[in-house]
Amino acid sequence: MSHKKDWLQRFIEITPMQINMGGNTTLEAIGMRDMEVTMTMRGKNIHNVFKDVLYIFKIAKKFFLVSKGASLGNVFQFEKNFCIIKND
């Protein structure tokens, strides 16, 4: 999820959908598309693309849904100061 429309490549509007953020808070997604990201792994920058990122105008930050990543075959290992994402 992102609040920055210009970060989404080939942005498309969608039928508005309610996203439950927890704590009885819901926000409305009004668009989606792909977002290029750069991650650092072992001191090297890795370029990747997050697919079908929701655009939520009223969200304050960008969020990554672990459940979405896991549904695509990724495995997550959380440590104190970082997270390891694996896809064998």
PDB file of N, CA and C in Angstrom:
ATOM      1  N   MET A   1       0.843  -1.171   0.000  1.00  0.00           N
ATOM      2  CA  MET A   1       0.000   0.000   0.000  1.00  0.00           C
ATOM      3  C   MET A   1       0.889   1.234   0.000  1.00  0.00           C
ATOM      4  N   SER A   2       0.483   2.234  -0.728  1.00  0.00           N
ATOM      5  CA  SER A   2       1.262   3.459  -0.815  1.00  0.00           C
ATOM      6  C   SER A   2       0.345   4.673  -0.875  1.00  0.00           C
ATOM      7  N   HIS A   3       0.843   5.778  -0.364  1.00  0.00           N
ATOM      8  CA  HIS A   3       0.130   7.047  -0.447  1.00  0.00           C
ATOM      9  C   HIS A   3       0.706   7.936  -1.552  1.00  0.00           C
ATOM     10  N   LYS A   4       1.668   7.417  -2.290  1.00  0.00           N
ATOM     11  CA  LYS A   4       2.342   8.183  -3.346  1.00  0.00           C
ATOM     12  C   LYS A   4       1.934   7.638  -4.719  1.00  0.00           C
ATOM     13  N   LYS A   5       0.986   8.284  -5.339  1.00  0.00           N
ATOM     14  CA  LYS A   5       0.475   7.845  -6.636  1.00  0.00           C
ATOM     15  C   LYS A   5       1.572   7.827  -7.697  1.00  0.00           C
ATOM     16  N   ASP A   6       2.484   8.789  -7.660  1.00  0.00           N
ATOM     17  CA  ASP A   6       3.526   8.874  -8.680  1.00  0.00           C
ATOM     18  C   ASP A   6       4.581   7.773  -8.547  1.00  0.00           C
ATOM     19  N   TRP A   7       4.566   6.998  -7.453  1.00  0.00           N
ATOM     20  CA  TRP A   7       5.491   5.882  -7.303  1.00  0.00           C
ATOM     21  C   TRP A   7       4.982   4.629  -8.021  1.00  0.00           C
ATOM     22  N   LEU A   8       3.728   4.650  -8.445  1.00  0.00           N
ATOM     23  CA  LEU A   8       3.121   3.476  -9.066  1.00  0.00           C
ATOM     24  C   LEU A   8       3.225   3.571 -10.584  1.00  0.00           C
ATOM     25  N   GLN A   9       3.818   2.574 -11.199  1.00  0.00           N
ATOM     26  CA  GLN A   9       4.009   2.548 -12.642  1.00  0.00           C
ATOM     27  C   GLN A   9       2.701   2.172 -13.335  1.00  0.00           C
ATOM     28  N   ARG A  10       2.335   2.918 -14.362  1.00  0.00           N
ATOM     29  CA  ARG A  10       1.132   2.641 -15.144  1.00  0.00           C
ATOM     30  C   ARG A  10      -0.109   2.546 -14.239  1.00  0.00           C
ATOM     31  N   PHE A  11      -0.271   3.540 -13.398  1.00  0.00           N
ATOM     32  CA  PHE A  11      -1.362   3.603 -12.432  1.00  0.00           C
ATOM     33  C   PHE A  11      -2.725   3.395 -13.098  1.00  0.00           C
ATOM     34  N   ILE A  12      -3.585   2.634 -12.438  1.00  0.00           N
ATOM     35  CA  ILE A  12      -4.967   2.472 -12.894  1.00  0.00           C
ATOM     36  C   ILE A  12      -5.914   2.727 -11.725  1.00  0.00           C
ATOM     37  N   GLU A  13      -7.031   3.359 -12.016  1.00  0.00           N
ATOM     38  CA  GLU A  13      -8.061   3.531 -10.996  1.00  0.00           C
ATOM     39  C   GLU A  13      -8.827   2.233 -10.869  1.00  0.00           C
ATOM     40  N   ILE A  14      -9.274   1.950  -9.642  1.00  0.00           N
ATOM     41  CA  ILE A  14     -10.068   0.752  -9.379  1.00  0.00           C
ATOM     42  C   ILE A  14     -11.373   1.166  -8.713  1.00  0.00           C
ATOM     43  N   THR A  15     -12.332   0.255  -8.711  1.00  0.00           N
ATOM     44  CA  THR A  15     -13.546   0.489  -7.937  1.00  0.00           C
ATOM     45  C   THR A  15     -13.115   0.619  -6.483  1.00  0.00           C
ATOM     46  N   PRO A  16     -13.465   1.717  -5.806  1.00  0.00           N
ATOM     47  CA  PRO A  16     -13.021   1.906  -4.425  1.00  0.00           C
ATOM     48  C   PRO A  16     -13.315   0.680  -3.549  1.00  0.00           C
ATOM     49  N   MET A  17     -12.317   0.302  -2.743  1.00  0.00           N
ATOM     50  CA  MET A  17     -12.482  -0.827  -1.837  1.00  0.00           C
ATOM     51  C   MET A  17     -11.981  -0.454  -0.455  1.00  0.00           C
ATOM     52  N   GLN A  18     -12.671  -0.935   0.567  1.00  0.00           N
ATOM     53  CA  GLN A  18     -12.318  -0.653   1.954  1.00  0.00           C
ATOM     54  C   GLN A  18     -11.231  -1.626   2.420  1.00  0.00           C
ATOM     55  N   ILE A  19     -10.177  -1.094   3.027  1.00  0.00           N
ATOM     56  CA  ILE A  19      -9.070  -1.885   3.547  1.00  0.00           C
ATOM     57  C   ILE A  19      -9.070  -1.739   5.064  1.00  0.00           C
ATOM     58  N   ASN A  20      -9.163  -2.878   5.769  1.00  0.00           N
ATOM     59  CA  ASN A  20      -9.157  -2.877   7.229  1.00  0.00           C
ATOM     60  C   ASN A  20      -7.716  -2.753   7.714  1.00  0.00           C
ATOM     61  N   MET A  21      -7.422  -1.673   8.429  1.00  0.00           N
ATOM     62  CA  MET A  21      -6.072  -1.417   8.917  1.00  0.00           C
ATOM     63  C   MET A  21      -5.867  -1.897  10.344  1.00  0.00           C
ATOM     64  N   GLY A  22      -6.894  -2.458  10.953  1.00  0.00           N
ATOM     65  CA  GLY A  22      -6.820  -2.891  12.344  1.00  0.00           C
ATOM     66  C   GLY A  22      -7.258  -1.768  13.265  1.00  0.00           C
ATOM     67  N   GLY A  23      -7.591  -2.115  14.492  1.00  0.00           N
ATOM     68  CA  GLY A  23      -8.026  -1.111  15.455  1.00  0.00           C
ATOM     69  C   GLY A  23      -9.279  -0.372  15.013  1.00  0.00           C
ATOM     70  N   ASN A  24     -10.175  -1.058  14.333  1.00  0.00           N
ATOM     71  CA  ASN A  24     -11.425  -0.465  13.829  1.00  0.00           C
ATOM     72  C   ASN A  24     -11.194   0.679  12.841  1.00  0.00           C
ATOM     73  N   THR A  25     -10.068   0.673  12.163  1.00  0.00           N
ATOM     74  CA  THR A  25      -9.760   1.704  11.173  1.00  0.00           C
ATOM     75  C   THR A  25      -9.831   1.106   9.779  1.00  0.00           C
ATOM     76  N   THR A  26     -10.562   1.755   8.889  1.00  0.00           N
ATOM     77  CA  THR A  26     -10.587   1.344   7.490  1.00  0.00           C
ATOM     78  C   THR A  26     -10.220   2.539   6.615  1.00  0.00           C
ATOM     79  N   LEU A  27      -9.527   2.267   5.531  1.00  0.00           N
ATOM     80  CA  LEU A  27      -9.175   3.283   4.555  1.00  0.00           C
ATOM     81  C   LEU A  27      -9.600   2.788   3.185  1.00  0.00           C
ATOM     82  N   GLU A  28      -9.755   3.720   2.245  1.00  0.00           N
ATOM     83  CA  GLU A  28     -10.241   3.368   0.928  1.00  0.00           C
ATOM     84  C   GLU A  28      -9.119   3.335  -0.102  1.00  0.00           C
ATOM     85  N   ALA A  29      -8.971   2.197  -0.777  1.00  0.00           N
ATOM     86  CA  ALA A  29      -8.040   2.081  -1.897  1.00  0.00           C
ATOM     87  C   ALA A  29      -8.772   2.516  -3.151  1.00  0.00           C
ATOM     88  N   ILE A  30      -8.136   3.394  -3.950  1.00  0.00           N
ATOM     89  CA  ILE A  30      -8.808   3.915  -5.143  1.00  0.00           C
ATOM     90  C   ILE A  30      -8.015   3.667  -6.423  1.00  0.00           C
ATOM     91  N   GLY A  31      -6.882   2.988  -6.302  1.00  0.00           N
ATOM     92  CA  GLY A  31      -6.071   2.688  -7.470  1.00  0.00           C
ATOM     93  C   GLY A  31      -5.024   1.645  -7.132  1.00  0.00           C
ATOM     94  N   MET A  32      -4.279   1.222  -8.142  1.00  0.00           N
ATOM     95  CA  MET A  32      -3.229   0.236  -7.909  1.00  0.00           C
ATOM     96  C   MET A  32      -2.275   0.178  -9.094  1.00  0.00           C
ATOM     97  N   ARG A  33      -1.147  -0.454  -8.871  1.00  0.00           N
ATOM     98  CA  ARG A  33      -0.209  -0.787  -9.930  1.00  0.00           C
ATOM     99  C   ARG A  33       1.093  -1.283  -9.320  1.00  0.00           C
ATOM    100  N   ASP A  34       2.131  -1.375 -10.121  1.00  0.00           N
ATOM    101  CA  ASP A  34       3.410  -1.920  -9.685  1.00  0.00           C
ATOM    102  C   ASP A  34       4.337  -0.812  -9.180  1.00  0.00           C
ATOM    103  N   MET A  35       5.201  -1.166  -8.216  1.00  0.00           N
ATOM    104  CA  MET A  35       6.137  -0.208  -7.626  1.00  0.00           C
ATOM    105  C   MET A  35       7.542  -0.794  -7.649  1.00  0.00           C
ATOM    106  N   GLU A  36       8.475  -0.079  -8.257  1.00  0.00           N
ATOM    107  CA  GLU A  36       9.880  -0.494  -8.236  1.00  0.00           C
ATOM    108  C   GLU A  36      10.461  -0.210  -6.856  1.00  0.00           C
ATOM    109  N   VAL A  37      11.231  -1.154  -6.345  1.00  0.00           N
ATOM    110  CA  VAL A  37      11.877  -0.984  -5.040  1.00  0.00           C
ATOM    111  C   VAL A  37      13.342  -1.383  -5.154  1.00  0.00           C
ATOM    112  N   THR A  38      14.149  -0.808  -4.292  1.00  0.00           N
ATOM    113  CA  THR A  38      15.550  -1.181  -4.190  1.00  0.00           C
ATOM    114  C   THR A  38      15.813  -1.611  -2.757  1.00  0.00           C
ATOM    115  N   MET A  39      16.352  -2.825  -2.603  1.00  0.00           N
ATOM    116  CA  MET A  39      16.670  -3.366  -1.285  1.00  0.00           C
ATOM    117  C   MET A  39      18.169  -3.618  -1.222  1.00  0.00           C
ATOM    118  N   THR A  40      18.741  -3.508  -0.040  1.00  0.00           N
ATOM    119  CA  THR A  40      20.164  -3.795   0.145  1.00  0.00           C
ATOM    120  C   THR A  40      20.317  -5.195   0.721  1.00  0.00           C
ATOM    121  N   MET A  41      21.117  -6.013   0.032  1.00  0.00           N
ATOM    122  CA  MET A  41      21.365  -7.366   0.502  1.00  0.00           C
ATOM    123  C   MET A  41      22.862  -7.633   0.436  1.00  0.00           C
ATOM    124  N   ARG A  42      23.433  -7.909   1.606  1.00  0.00           N
ATOM    125  CA  ARG A  42      24.871  -8.156   1.708  1.00  0.00           C
ATOM    126  C   ARG A  42      25.691  -7.046   1.065  1.00  0.00           C
ATOM    127  N   GLY A  43      25.246  -5.812   1.301  1.00  0.00           N
ATOM    128  CA  GLY A  43      25.963  -4.650   0.806  1.00  0.00           C
ATOM    129  C   GLY A  43      25.715  -4.287  -0.645  1.00  0.00           C
ATOM    130  N   LYS A  44      24.848  -5.044  -1.336  1.00  0.00           N
ATOM    131  CA  LYS A  44      24.561  -4.770  -2.739  1.00  0.00           C
ATOM    132  C   LYS A  44      23.095  -4.381  -2.900  1.00  0.00           C
ATOM    133  N   ASN A  45      22.845  -3.437  -3.791  1.00  0.00           N
ATOM    134  CA  ASN A  45      21.472  -3.031  -4.077  1.00  0.00           C
ATOM    135  C   ASN A  45      20.822  -4.030  -5.029  1.00  0.00           C
ATOM    136  N   ILE A  46      19.642  -4.481  -4.650  1.00  0.00           N
ATOM    137  CA  ILE A  46      18.852  -5.406  -5.459  1.00  0.00           C
ATOM    138  C   ILE A  46      17.598  -4.668  -5.897  1.00  0.00           C
ATOM    139  N   HIS A  47      17.324  -4.666  -7.192  1.00  0.00           N
ATOM    140  CA  HIS A  47      16.145  -3.997  -7.725  1.00  0.00           C
ATOM    141  C   HIS A  47      15.050  -5.035  -7.952  1.00  0.00           C
ATOM    142  N   ASN A  48      13.839  -4.683  -7.558  1.00  0.00           N
ATOM    143  CA  ASN A  48      12.718  -5.598  -7.671  1.00  0.00           C
ATOM    144  C   ASN A  48      11.451  -4.801  -7.935  1.00  0.00           C
ATOM    145  N   VAL A  49      10.352  -5.499  -8.153  1.00  0.00           N
ATOM    146  CA  VAL A  49       9.066  -4.850  -8.395  1.00  0.00           C
ATOM    147  C   VAL A  49       8.021  -5.494  -7.492  1.00  0.00           C
ATOM    148  N   PHE A  50       7.317  -4.678  -6.714  1.00  0.00           N
ATOM    149  CA  PHE A  50       6.147  -5.145  -5.973  1.00  0.00           C
ATOM    150  C   PHE A  50       4.957  -5.017  -6.905  1.00  0.00           C
ATOM    151  N   LYS A  51       4.196  -6.082  -7.050  1.00  0.00           N
ATOM    152  CA  LYS A  51       3.058  -6.116  -7.969  1.00  0.00           C
ATOM    153  C   LYS A  51       1.766  -5.751  -7.248  1.00  0.00           C
ATOM    154  N   ASP A  52       0.859  -5.119  -7.968  1.00  0.00           N
ATOM    155  CA  ASP A  52      -0.498  -4.827  -7.490  1.00  0.00           C
ATOM    156  C   ASP A  52      -0.511  -4.069  -6.160  1.00  0.00           C
ATOM    157  N   VAL A  53       0.320  -3.041  -6.056  1.00  0.00           N
ATOM    158  CA  VAL A  53       0.361  -2.192  -4.863  1.00  0.00           C
ATOM    159  C   VAL A  53      -0.882  -1.298  -4.865  1.00  0.00           C
ATOM    160  N   LEU A  54      -1.600  -1.282  -3.746  1.00  0.00           N
ATOM    161  CA  LEU A  54      -2.803  -0.469  -3.634  1.00  0.00           C
ATOM    162  C   LEU A  54      -2.449   0.987  -3.348  1.00  0.00           C
ATOM    163  N   TYR A  55      -3.149   1.897  -3.985  1.00  0.00           N
ATOM    164  CA  TYR A  55      -2.995   3.331  -3.733  1.00  0.00           C
ATOM    165  C   TYR A  55      -4.094   3.767  -2.771  1.00  0.00           C
ATOM    166  N   ILE A  56      -3.662   4.242  -1.602  1.00  0.00           N
ATOM    167  CA  ILE A  56      -4.589   4.718  -0.567  1.00  0.00           C
ATOM    168  C   ILE A  56      -4.170   6.141  -0.220  1.00  0.00           C
ATOM    169  N   PHE A  57      -4.919   7.094  -0.729  1.00  0.00           N
ATOM    170  CA  PHE A  57      -4.572   8.508  -0.587  1.00  0.00           C
ATOM    171  C   PHE A  57      -4.389   8.925   0.866  1.00  0.00           C
ATOM    172  N   LYS A  58      -5.215   8.432   1.773  1.00  0.00           N
ATOM    173  CA  LYS A  58      -5.211   8.903   3.164  1.00  0.00           C
ATOM    174  C   LYS A  58      -4.235   8.169   4.078  1.00  0.00           C
ATOM    175  N   ILE A  59      -3.457   7.253   3.536  1.00  0.00           N
ATOM    176  CA  ILE A  59      -2.505   6.533   4.380  1.00  0.00           C
ATOM    177  C   ILE A  59      -1.270   7.416   4.581  1.00  0.00           C
ATOM    178  N   ALA A  60      -0.682   7.377   5.764  1.00  0.00           N
ATOM    179  CA  ALA A  60       0.431   8.273   6.078  1.00  0.00           C
ATOM    180  C   ALA A  60       1.785   7.746   5.597  1.00  0.00           C
ATOM    181  N   LYS A  61       1.926   6.448   5.471  1.00  0.00           N
ATOM    182  CA  LYS A  61       3.190   5.818   5.077  1.00  0.00           C
ATOM    183  C   LYS A  61       2.897   4.740   4.053  1.00  0.00           C
ATOM    184  N   LYS A  62       3.948   4.052   3.593  1.00  0.00           N
ATOM    185  CA  LYS A  62       3.727   2.898   2.723  1.00  0.00           C
ATOM    186  C   LYS A  62       3.822   1.630   3.578  1.00  0.00           C
ATOM    187  N   PHE A  63       3.056   0.624   3.213  1.00  0.00           N
ATOM    188  CA  PHE A  63       3.013  -0.621   3.959  1.00  0.00           C
ATOM    189  C   PHE A  63       3.244  -1.797   3.031  1.00  0.00           C
ATOM    190  N   PHE A  64       3.845  -2.833   3.573  1.00  0.00           N
ATOM    191  CA  PHE A  64       4.046  -4.081   2.847  1.00  0.00           C
ATOM    192  C   PHE A  64       3.289  -5.163   3.601  1.00  0.00           C
ATOM    193  N   LEU A  65       2.417  -5.880   2.916  1.00  0.00           N
ATOM    194  CA  LEU A  65       1.654  -6.936   3.554  1.00  0.00           C
ATOM    195  C   LEU A  65       2.414  -8.254   3.469  1.00  0.00           C
ATOM    196  N   VAL A  66       2.833  -8.749   4.619  1.00  0.00           N
ATOM    197  CA  VAL A  66       3.548 -10.015   4.667  1.00  0.00           C
ATOM    198  C   VAL A  66       2.664 -11.124   4.106  1.00  0.00           C
ATOM    199  N   SER A  67       1.366 -11.086   4.398  1.00  0.00           N
ATOM    200  CA  SER A  67       0.462 -12.130   3.899  1.00  0.00           C
ATOM    201  C   SER A  67       0.442 -12.164   2.376  1.00  0.00           C
ATOM    202  N   LYS A  68       0.489 -11.012   1.727  1.00  0.00           N
ATOM    203  CA  LYS A  68       0.535 -10.954   0.259  1.00  0.00           C
ATOM    204  C   LYS A  68       1.851 -11.540  -0.242  1.00  0.00           C
ATOM    205  N   GLY A  69       2.954 -11.162   0.393  1.00  0.00           N
ATOM    206  CA  GLY A  69       4.250 -11.706   0.005  1.00  0.00           C
ATOM    207  C   GLY A  69       4.327 -13.212   0.197  1.00  0.00           C
ATOM    208  N   ALA A  70       3.760 -13.706   1.295  1.00  0.00           N
ATOM    209  CA  ALA A  70       3.758 -15.143   1.564  1.00  0.00           C
ATOM    210  C   ALA A  70       2.900 -15.891   0.549  1.00  0.00           C
ATOM    211  N   SER A  71       1.803 -15.282   0.131  1.00  0.00           N
ATOM    212  CA  SER A  71       0.936 -15.938  -0.863  1.00  0.00           C
ATOM    213  C   SER A  71       1.632 -16.084  -2.215  1.00  0.00           C
ATOM    214  N   LEU A  72       2.697 -15.312  -2.434  1.00  0.00           N
ATOM    215  CA  LEU A  72       3.471 -15.393  -3.673  1.00  0.00           C
ATOM    216  C   LEU A  72       4.686 -16.312  -3.533  1.00  0.00           C
ATOM    217  N   GLY A  73       4.770 -17.032  -2.394  1.00  0.00           N
ATOM    218  CA  GLY A  73       5.836 -18.008  -2.200  1.00  0.00           C
ATOM    219  C   GLY A  73       7.041 -17.520  -1.431  1.00  0.00           C
ATOM    220  N   ASN A  74       6.989 -16.324  -0.854  1.00  0.00           N
ATOM    221  CA  ASN A  74       8.112 -15.803  -0.076  1.00  0.00           C
ATOM    222  C   ASN A  74       8.042 -16.293   1.362  1.00  0.00           C
ATOM    223  N   VAL A  75       9.200 -16.406   1.989  1.00  0.00           N
ATOM    224  CA  VAL A  75       9.308 -16.792   3.396  1.00  0.00           C
ATOM    225  C   VAL A  75       9.965 -15.631   4.135  1.00  0.00           C
ATOM    226  N   PHE A  76       9.434 -15.267   5.295  1.00  0.00           N
ATOM    227  CA  PHE A  76       9.916 -14.119   6.055  1.00  0.00           C
ATOM    228  C   PHE A  76      10.533 -14.562   7.373  1.00  0.00           C
ATOM    229  N   GLN A  77      11.703 -13.997   7.679  1.00  0.00           N
ATOM    230  CA  GLN A  77      12.378 -14.255   8.948  1.00  0.00           C
ATOM    231  C   GLN A  77      12.662 -12.901   9.595  1.00  0.00           C
ATOM    232  N   PHE A  78      12.011 -12.643  10.727  1.00  0.00           N
ATOM    233  CA  PHE A  78      12.156 -11.356  11.392  1.00  0.00           C
ATOM    234  C   PHE A  78      13.217 -11.434  12.477  1.00  0.00           C
ATOM    235  N   GLU A  79      14.122 -10.464  12.454  1.00  0.00           N
ATOM    236  CA  GLU A  79      15.167 -10.316  13.457  1.00  0.00           C
ATOM    237  C   GLU A  79      14.937  -8.986  14.175  1.00  0.00           C
ATOM    238  N   LYS A  80      15.799  -8.661  15.123  1.00  0.00           N
ATOM    239  CA  LYS A  80      15.609  -7.439  15.910  1.00  0.00           C
ATOM    240  C   LYS A  80      15.570  -6.170  15.057  1.00  0.00           C
ATOM    241  N   ASN A  81      16.507  -6.038  14.119  1.00  0.00           N
ATOM    242  CA  ASN A  81      16.635  -4.807  13.344  1.00  0.00           C
ATOM    243  C   ASN A  81      16.395  -4.953  11.843  1.00  0.00           C
ATOM    244  N   PHE A  82      15.978  -6.125  11.399  1.00  0.00           N
ATOM    245  CA  PHE A  82      15.791  -6.339   9.968  1.00  0.00           C
ATOM    246  C   PHE A  82      14.890  -7.535   9.720  1.00  0.00           C
ATOM    247  N   CYS A  83      14.537  -7.701   8.469  1.00  0.00           N
ATOM    248  CA  CYS A  83      13.715  -8.840   8.034  1.00  0.00           C
ATOM    249  C   CYS A  83      14.370  -9.462   6.815  1.00  0.00           C
ATOM    250  N   ILE A  84      14.447 -10.779   6.809  1.00  0.00           N
ATOM    251  CA  ILE A  84      14.983 -11.510   5.675  1.00  0.00           C
ATOM    252  C   ILE A  84      13.799 -12.067   4.880  1.00  0.00           C
ATOM    253  N   ILE A  85      13.810 -11.810   3.576  1.00  0.00           N
ATOM    254  CA  ILE A  85      12.763 -12.333   2.692  1.00  0.00           C
ATOM    255  C   ILE A  85      13.428 -13.311   1.740  1.00  0.00           C
ATOM    256  N   LYS A  86      12.934 -14.550   1.740  1.00  0.00           N
ATOM    257  CA  LYS A  86      13.502 -15.585   0.883  1.00  0.00           C
ATOM    258  C   LYS A  86      12.447 -16.079  -0.094  1.00  0.00           C
ATOM    259  N   ASN A  87      12.911 -16.404  -1.285  1.00  0.00           N
ATOM    260  CA  ASN A  87      12.061 -17.027  -2.283  1.00  0.00           C
ATOM    261  C   ASN A  87      12.915 -18.035  -3.015  1.00  0.00           C
ATOM    262  N   ASP A  88      12.783 -19.301  -2.620  1.00  0.00           N
ATOM    263  CA  ASP A  88      13.644 -20.359  -3.191  1.00  0.00           C
ATOM    264  C   ASP A  88      13.188 -20.740  -4.530  1.00  0.00           C
TER     265      ASP A  88
END
